[in-house]
Amino acid sequence: MPATEPRRTPEELARLGSEVFERRVRPMLQPEDDGKFVALDVQTGDYEVDEDDYTAVSRLRARNPAAEAWLGRV
């Protein structure tokens, strides 16, 4: 897989990730998701939830290899 230049600064990615998480993801989460990891694409709002951070990011990237991924914990 070719290396790509980051499209956003780490600070901008963190800010956007937090905004998308609060607006689009948090309302969809269930009580059983507490403590799990959320990997989300800050551009599309697509996300994956898993107990394992690597698995969540891998599933997100499998769907969208160009995802600008943000990782957080519920």
PDB file of N, CA and C in Angstrom:
ATOM      1  N   MET A   1       0.853  -1.181   0.000  1.00  0.00           N
ATOM      2  CA  MET A   1       0.000   0.000   0.000  1.00  0.00           C
ATOM      3  C   MET A   1       0.894   1.238   0.000  1.00  0.00           C
ATOM      4  N   PRO A   2       0.686   2.153  -0.920  1.00  0.00           N
ATOM      5  CA  PRO A   2       1.531   3.348  -0.987  1.00  0.00           C
ATOM      6  C   PRO A   2       1.281   4.280   0.190  1.00  0.00           C
ATOM      7  N   ALA A   3       2.339   4.938   0.609  1.00  0.00           N
ATOM      8  CA  ALA A   3       2.210   5.926   1.693  1.00  0.00           C
ATOM      9  C   ALA A   3       1.492   7.160   1.162  1.00  0.00           C
ATOM     10  N   THR A   4       0.691   7.749   2.009  1.00  0.00           N
ATOM     11  CA  THR A   4      -0.010   8.970   1.621  1.00  0.00           C
ATOM     12  C   THR A   4       0.319  10.069   2.602  1.00  0.00           C
ATOM     13  N   GLU A   5       0.271  11.277   2.125  1.00  0.00           N
ATOM     14  CA  GLU A   5       0.496  12.434   2.986  1.00  0.00           C
ATOM     15  C   GLU A   5      -0.747  12.663   3.833  1.00  0.00           C
ATOM     16  N   PRO A   6      -0.574  13.004   5.105  1.00  0.00           N
ATOM     17  CA  PRO A   6      -1.745  13.323   5.927  1.00  0.00           C
ATOM     18  C   PRO A   6      -2.483  14.526   5.350  1.00  0.00           C
ATOM     19  N   ARG A   7      -3.796  14.451   5.376  1.00  0.00           N
ATOM     20  CA  ARG A   7      -4.593  15.548   4.817  1.00  0.00           C
ATOM     21  C   ARG A   7      -4.900  16.604   5.860  1.00  0.00           C
ATOM     22  N   ARG A   8      -4.808  16.248   7.130  1.00  0.00           N
ATOM     23  CA  ARG A   8      -5.123  17.189   8.220  1.00  0.00           C
ATOM     24  C   ARG A   8      -4.037  17.097   9.291  1.00  0.00           C
ATOM     25  N   THR A   9      -3.908  18.168  10.054  1.00  0.00           N
ATOM     26  CA  THR A   9      -2.971  18.117  11.180  1.00  0.00           C
ATOM     27  C   THR A   9      -3.568  17.203  12.244  1.00  0.00           C
ATOM     28  N   PRO A  10      -2.740  16.665  13.122  1.00  0.00           N
ATOM     29  CA  PRO A  10      -3.277  15.831  14.201  1.00  0.00           C
ATOM     30  C   PRO A  10      -4.311  16.574  15.057  1.00  0.00           C
ATOM     31  N   GLU A  11      -4.089  17.863  15.268  1.00  0.00           N
ATOM     32  CA  GLU A  11      -5.029  18.656  16.070  1.00  0.00           C
ATOM     33  C   GLU A  11      -6.381  18.791  15.372  1.00  0.00           C
ATOM     34  N   GLU A  12      -6.338  19.035  14.064  1.00  0.00           N
ATOM     35  CA  GLU A  12      -7.580  19.168  13.305  1.00  0.00           C
ATOM     36  C   GLU A  12      -8.322  17.833  13.245  1.00  0.00           C
ATOM     37  N   LEU A  13      -7.581  16.738  13.060  1.00  0.00           N
ATOM     38  CA  LEU A  13      -8.190  15.414  13.037  1.00  0.00           C
ATOM     39  C   LEU A  13      -8.855  15.100  14.382  1.00  0.00           C
ATOM     40  N   ALA A  14      -8.195  15.445  15.482  1.00  0.00           N
ATOM     41  CA  ALA A  14      -8.765  15.210  16.815  1.00  0.00           C
ATOM     42  C   ALA A  14     -10.034  16.029  17.020  1.00  0.00           C
ATOM     43  N   ARG A  15     -10.016  17.281  16.602  1.00  0.00           N
ATOM     44  CA  ARG A  15     -11.190  18.143  16.758  1.00  0.00           C
ATOM     45  C   ARG A  15     -12.364  17.628  15.931  1.00  0.00           C
ATOM     46  N   LEU A  16     -12.104  17.322  14.665  1.00  0.00           N
ATOM     47  CA  LEU A  16     -13.159  16.812  13.796  1.00  0.00           C
ATOM     48  C   LEU A  16     -13.687  15.463  14.282  1.00  0.00           C
ATOM     49  N   GLY A  17     -12.777  14.596  14.706  1.00  0.00           N
ATOM     50  CA  GLY A  17     -13.188  13.291  15.210  1.00  0.00           C
ATOM     51  C   GLY A  17     -14.109  13.411  16.404  1.00  0.00           C
ATOM     52  N   SER A  18     -13.769  14.285  17.324  1.00  0.00           N
ATOM     53  CA  SER A  18     -14.617  14.497  18.508  1.00  0.00           C
ATOM     54  C   SER A  18     -15.985  15.045  18.122  1.00  0.00           C
ATOM     55  N   GLU A  19     -15.998  15.979  17.170  1.00  0.00           N
ATOM     56  CA  GLU A  19     -17.270  16.565  16.721  1.00  0.00           C
ATOM     57  C   GLU A  19     -18.165  15.516  16.059  1.00  0.00           C
ATOM     58  N   VAL A  20     -17.588  14.734  15.150  1.00  0.00           N
ATOM     59  CA  VAL A  20     -18.364  13.703  14.453  1.00  0.00           C
ATOM     60  C   VAL A  20     -18.845  12.652  15.445  1.00  0.00           C
ATOM     61  N   PHE A  21     -17.978  12.264  16.373  1.00  0.00           N
ATOM     62  CA  PHE A  21     -18.366  11.275  17.374  1.00  0.00           C
ATOM     63  C   PHE A  21     -19.574  11.755  18.169  1.00  0.00           C
ATOM     64  N   GLU A  22     -19.517  12.963  18.680  1.00  0.00           N
ATOM     65  CA  GLU A  22     -20.609  13.477  19.509  1.00  0.00           C
ATOM     66  C   GLU A  22     -21.907  13.656  18.723  1.00  0.00           C
ATOM     67  N   ARG A  23     -21.792  14.104  17.486  1.00  0.00           N
ATOM     68  CA  ARG A  23     -22.977  14.404  16.678  1.00  0.00           C
ATOM     69  C   ARG A  23     -23.605  13.171  16.049  1.00  0.00           C
ATOM     70  N   ARG A  24     -22.770  12.254  15.511  1.00  0.00           N
ATOM     71  CA  ARG A  24     -23.311  11.159  14.709  1.00  0.00           C
ATOM     72  C   ARG A  24     -23.199   9.787  15.337  1.00  0.00           C
ATOM     73  N   VAL A  25     -22.178   9.562  16.159  1.00  0.00           N
ATOM     74  CA  VAL A  25     -21.931   8.209  16.663  1.00  0.00           C
ATOM     75  C   VAL A  25     -22.525   8.005  18.045  1.00  0.00           C
ATOM     76  N   ARG A  26     -22.252   8.905  18.975  1.00  0.00           N
ATOM     77  CA  ARG A  26     -22.719   8.711  20.349  1.00  0.00           C
ATOM     78  C   ARG A  26     -24.218   8.405  20.424  1.00  0.00           C
ATOM     79  N   PRO A  27     -25.078   9.104  19.659  1.00  0.00           N
ATOM     80  CA  PRO A  27     -26.515   8.792  19.747  1.00  0.00           C
ATOM     81  C   PRO A  27     -26.870   7.366  19.295  1.00  0.00           C
ATOM     82  N   MET A  28     -26.003   6.725  18.536  1.00  0.00           N
ATOM     83  CA  MET A  28     -26.275   5.386  18.014  1.00  0.00           C
ATOM     84  C   MET A  28     -25.758   4.280  18.928  1.00  0.00           C
ATOM     85  N   LEU A  29     -24.950   4.628  19.915  1.00  0.00           N
ATOM     86  CA  LEU A  29     -24.326   3.617  20.764  1.00  0.00           C
ATOM     87  C   LEU A  29     -25.312   3.049  21.782  1.00  0.00           C
ATOM     88  N   GLN A  30     -25.060   1.805  22.154  1.00  0.00           N
ATOM     89  CA  GLN A  30     -25.871   1.084  23.128  1.00  0.00           C
ATOM     90  C   GLN A  30     -25.081   0.948  24.433  1.00  0.00           C
ATOM     91  N   PRO A  31     -25.771   0.668  25.545  1.00  0.00           N
ATOM     92  CA  PRO A  31     -25.051   0.496  26.818  1.00  0.00           C
ATOM     93  C   PRO A  31     -23.956  -0.574  26.750  1.00  0.00           C
ATOM     94  N   GLU A  32     -24.149  -1.601  25.957  1.00  0.00           N
ATOM     95  CA  GLU A  32     -23.138  -2.667  25.857  1.00  0.00           C
ATOM     96  C   GLU A  32     -21.881  -2.217  25.115  1.00  0.00           C
ATOM     97  N   ASP A  33     -21.916  -1.035  24.494  1.00  0.00           N
ATOM     98  CA  ASP A  33     -20.739  -0.495  23.814  1.00  0.00           C
ATOM     99  C   ASP A  33     -19.795   0.234  24.765  1.00  0.00           C
ATOM    100  N   ASP A  34     -20.205   0.437  25.995  1.00  0.00           N
ATOM    101  CA  ASP A  34     -19.382   1.151  26.972  1.00  0.00           C
ATOM    102  C   ASP A  34     -18.025   0.465  27.118  1.00  0.00           C
ATOM    103  N   GLY A  35     -16.958   1.241  26.967  1.00  0.00           N
ATOM    104  CA  GLY A  35     -15.602   0.726  27.099  1.00  0.00           C
ATOM    105  C   GLY A  35     -14.996   0.237  25.793  1.00  0.00           C
ATOM    106  N   LYS A  36     -15.796   0.134  24.739  1.00  0.00           N
ATOM    107  CA  LYS A  36     -15.276  -0.322  23.450  1.00  0.00           C
ATOM    108  C   LYS A  36     -14.616   0.843  22.707  1.00  0.00           C
ATOM    109  N   PHE A  37     -13.907   0.494  21.643  1.00  0.00           N
ATOM    110  CA  PHE A  37     -13.252   1.489  20.792  1.00  0.00           C
ATOM    111  C   PHE A  37     -14.146   1.844  19.618  1.00  0.00           C
ATOM    112  N   VAL A  38     -14.066   3.101  19.194  1.00  0.00           N
ATOM    113  CA  VAL A  38     -14.768   3.574  18.012  1.00  0.00           C
ATOM    114  C   VAL A  38     -13.720   4.113  17.048  1.00  0.00           C
ATOM    115  N   ALA A  39     -13.703   3.546  15.848  1.00  0.00           N
ATOM    116  CA  ALA A  39     -12.867   4.064  14.767  1.00  0.00           C
ATOM    117  C   ALA A  39     -13.811   4.724  13.781  1.00  0.00           C
ATOM    118  N   LEU A  40     -13.566   5.993  13.468  1.00  0.00           N
ATOM    119  CA  LEU A  40     -14.467   6.665  12.538  1.00  0.00           C
ATOM    120  C   LEU A  40     -13.696   7.456  11.507  1.00  0.00           C
ATOM    121  N   ASP A  41     -14.328   7.601  10.351  1.00  0.00           N
ATOM    122  CA  ASP A  41     -13.781   8.396   9.254  1.00  0.00           C
ATOM    123  C   ASP A  41     -14.349   9.802   9.402  1.00  0.00           C
ATOM    124  N   VAL A  42     -13.484  10.773   9.630  1.00  0.00           N
ATOM    125  CA  VAL A  42     -13.959  12.136   9.880  1.00  0.00           C
ATOM    126  C   VAL A  42     -14.609  12.761   8.657  1.00  0.00           C
ATOM    127  N   GLN A  43     -14.322  12.251   7.469  1.00  0.00           N
ATOM    128  CA  GLN A  43     -14.931  12.808   6.260  1.00  0.00           C
ATOM    129  C   GLN A  43     -16.334  12.283   6.031  1.00  0.00           C
ATOM    130  N   THR A  44     -16.530  10.980   6.184  1.00  0.00           N
ATOM    131  CA  THR A  44     -17.810  10.366   5.827  1.00  0.00           C
ATOM    132  C   THR A  44     -18.712  10.107   7.022  1.00  0.00           C
ATOM    133  N   GLY A  45     -18.130  10.014   8.214  1.00  0.00           N
ATOM    134  CA  GLY A  45     -18.908   9.663   9.398  1.00  0.00           C
ATOM    135  C   GLY A  45     -19.075   8.167   9.574  1.00  0.00           C
ATOM    136  N   ASP A  46     -18.554   7.346   8.637  1.00  0.00           N
ATOM    137  CA  ASP A  46     -18.588   5.894   8.800  1.00  0.00           C
ATOM    138  C   ASP A  46     -17.809   5.522  10.048  1.00  0.00           C
ATOM    139  N   TYR A  47     -18.271   4.489  10.747  1.00  0.00           N
ATOM    140  CA  TYR A  47     -17.554   4.095  11.954  1.00  0.00           C
ATOM    141  C   TYR A  47     -17.697   2.607  12.216  1.00  0.00           C
ATOM    142  N   GLU A  48     -16.814   2.110  13.048  1.00  0.00           N
ATOM    143  CA  GLU A  48     -16.813   0.728  13.517  1.00  0.00           C
ATOM    144  C   GLU A  48     -16.588   0.744  15.013  1.00  0.00           C
ATOM    145  N   VAL A  49     -17.253  -0.162  15.711  1.00  0.00           N
ATOM    146  CA  VAL A  49     -17.121  -0.291  17.158  1.00  0.00           C
ATOM    147  C   VAL A  49     -16.637  -1.707  17.457  1.00  0.00           C
ATOM    148  N   ASP A  50     -15.634  -1.826  18.324  1.00  0.00           N
ATOM    149  CA  ASP A  50     -15.131  -3.148  18.700  1.00  0.00           C
ATOM    150  C   ASP A  50     -14.400  -3.058  20.035  1.00  0.00           C
ATOM    151  N   GLU A  51     -14.295  -4.185  20.704  1.00  0.00           N
ATOM    152  CA  GLU A  51     -13.538  -4.238  21.961  1.00  0.00           C
ATOM    153  C   GLU A  51     -12.048  -4.057  21.722  1.00  0.00           C
ATOM    154  N   ASP A  52     -11.602  -4.351  20.493  1.00  0.00           N
ATOM    155  CA  ASP A  52     -10.196  -4.264  20.126  1.00  0.00           C
ATOM    156  C   ASP A  52      -9.981  -3.080  19.179  1.00  0.00           C
ATOM    157  N   ASP A  53      -9.054  -2.202  19.512  1.00  0.00           N
ATOM    158  CA  ASP A  53      -8.826  -1.017  18.684  1.00  0.00           C
ATOM    159  C   ASP A  53      -8.358  -1.363  17.282  1.00  0.00           C
ATOM    160  N   TYR A  54      -7.460  -2.324  17.169  1.00  0.00           N
ATOM    161  CA  TYR A  54      -6.935  -2.714  15.862  1.00  0.00           C
ATOM    162  C   TYR A  54      -8.049  -3.266  14.968  1.00  0.00           C
ATOM    163  N   THR A  55      -8.919  -4.062  15.536  1.00  0.00           N
ATOM    164  CA  THR A  55     -10.031  -4.644  14.775  1.00  0.00           C
ATOM    165  C   THR A  55     -10.972  -3.561  14.277  1.00  0.00           C
ATOM    166  N   ALA A  56     -11.286  -2.593  15.122  1.00  0.00           N
ATOM    167  CA  ALA A  56     -12.185  -1.501  14.712  1.00  0.00           C
ATOM    168  C   ALA A  56     -11.586  -0.722  13.545  1.00  0.00           C
ATOM    169  N   VAL A  57     -10.309  -0.372  13.636  1.00  0.00           N
ATOM    170  CA  VAL A  57      -9.653   0.389  12.564  1.00  0.00           C
ATOM    171  C   VAL A  57      -9.540  -0.472  11.305  1.00  0.00           C
ATOM    172  N   SER A  58      -9.214  -1.740  11.457  1.00  0.00           N
ATOM    173  CA  SER A  58      -9.079  -2.627  10.298  1.00  0.00           C
ATOM    174  C   SER A  58     -10.384  -2.763   9.535  1.00  0.00           C
ATOM    175  N   ARG A  59     -11.482  -2.910  10.245  1.00  0.00           N
ATOM    176  CA  ARG A  59     -12.784  -3.022   9.574  1.00  0.00           C
ATOM    177  C   ARG A  59     -13.146  -1.724   8.863  1.00  0.00           C
ATOM    178  N   LEU A  60     -12.858  -0.587   9.497  1.00  0.00           N
ATOM    179  CA  LEU A  60     -13.125   0.700   8.862  1.00  0.00           C
ATOM    180  C   LEU A  60     -12.302   0.838   7.580  1.00  0.00           C
ATOM    181  N   ARG A  61     -11.013   0.510   7.650  1.00  0.00           N
ATOM    182  CA  ARG A  61     -10.132   0.626   6.488  1.00  0.00           C
ATOM    183  C   ARG A  61     -10.470  -0.405   5.407  1.00  0.00           C
ATOM    184  N   ALA A  62     -11.032  -1.541   5.779  1.00  0.00           N
ATOM    185  CA  ALA A  62     -11.445  -2.530   4.780  1.00  0.00           C
ATOM    186  C   ALA A  62     -12.579  -1.962   3.921  1.00  0.00           C
ATOM    187  N   ARG A  63     -13.462  -1.203   4.540  1.00  0.00           N
ATOM    188  CA  ARG A  63     -14.571  -0.575   3.813  1.00  0.00           C
ATOM    189  C   ARG A  63     -14.120   0.652   3.044  1.00  0.00           C
ATOM    190  N   ASN A  64     -13.183   1.402   3.633  1.00  0.00           N
ATOM    191  CA  ASN A  64     -12.731   2.641   3.010  1.00  0.00           C
ATOM    192  C   ASN A  64     -11.240   2.809   3.284  1.00  0.00           C
ATOM    193  N   PRO A  65     -10.392   2.305   2.383  1.00  0.00           N
ATOM    194  CA  PRO A  65      -8.938   2.383   2.603  1.00  0.00           C
ATOM    195  C   PRO A  65      -8.402   3.802   2.758  1.00  0.00           C
ATOM    196  N   ALA A  66      -9.099   4.786   2.217  1.00  0.00           N
ATOM    197  CA  ALA A  66      -8.633   6.168   2.296  1.00  0.00           C
ATOM    198  C   ALA A  66      -9.225   6.925   3.491  1.00  0.00           C
ATOM    199  N   ALA A  67      -9.857   6.217   4.410  1.00  0.00           N
ATOM    200  CA  ALA A  67     -10.498   6.868   5.559  1.00  0.00           C
ATOM    201  C   ALA A  67      -9.492   7.680   6.362  1.00  0.00           C
ATOM    202  N   GLU A  68      -9.921   8.870   6.777  1.00  0.00           N
ATOM    203  CA  GLU A  68      -9.136   9.672   7.721  1.00  0.00           C
ATOM    204  C   GLU A  68      -9.609   9.240   9.105  1.00  0.00           C
ATOM    205  N   ALA A  69      -8.936   8.248   9.655  1.00  0.00           N
ATOM    206  CA  ALA A  69      -9.403   7.570  10.853  1.00  0.00           C
ATOM    207  C   ALA A  69      -9.095   8.343  12.138  1.00  0.00           C
ATOM    208  N   TRP A  70     -10.086   8.368  13.003  1.00  0.00           N
ATOM    209  CA  TRP A  70      -9.993   8.891  14.366  1.00  0.00           C
ATOM    210  C   TRP A  70     -10.393   7.732  15.261  1.00  0.00           C
ATOM    211  N   LEU A  71      -9.677   7.535  16.357  1.00  0.00           N
ATOM    212  CA  LEU A  71      -9.956   6.436  17.272  1.00  0.00           C
ATOM    213  C   LEU A  71     -10.232   6.986  18.649  1.00  0.00           C
ATOM    214  N   GLY A  72     -11.325   6.529  19.232  1.00  0.00           N
ATOM    215  CA  GLY A  72     -11.682   6.951  20.580  1.00  0.00           C
ATOM    216  C   GLY A  72     -12.290   5.793  21.341  1.00  0.00           C
ATOM    217  N   ARG A  73     -12.524   6.017  22.606  1.00  0.00           N
ATOM    218  CA  ARG A  73     -13.115   4.970  23.449  1.00  0.00           C
ATOM    219  C   ARG A  73     -14.447   5.482  23.967  1.00  0.00           C
ATOM    220  N   VAL A  74     -15.430   4.581  23.925  1.00  0.00           N
ATOM    221  CA  VAL A  74     -16.783   4.923  24.395  1.00  0.00           C
ATOM    222  C   VAL A  74     -16.750   5.066  25.911  1.00  0.00           C
TER     223      VAL A  74
END
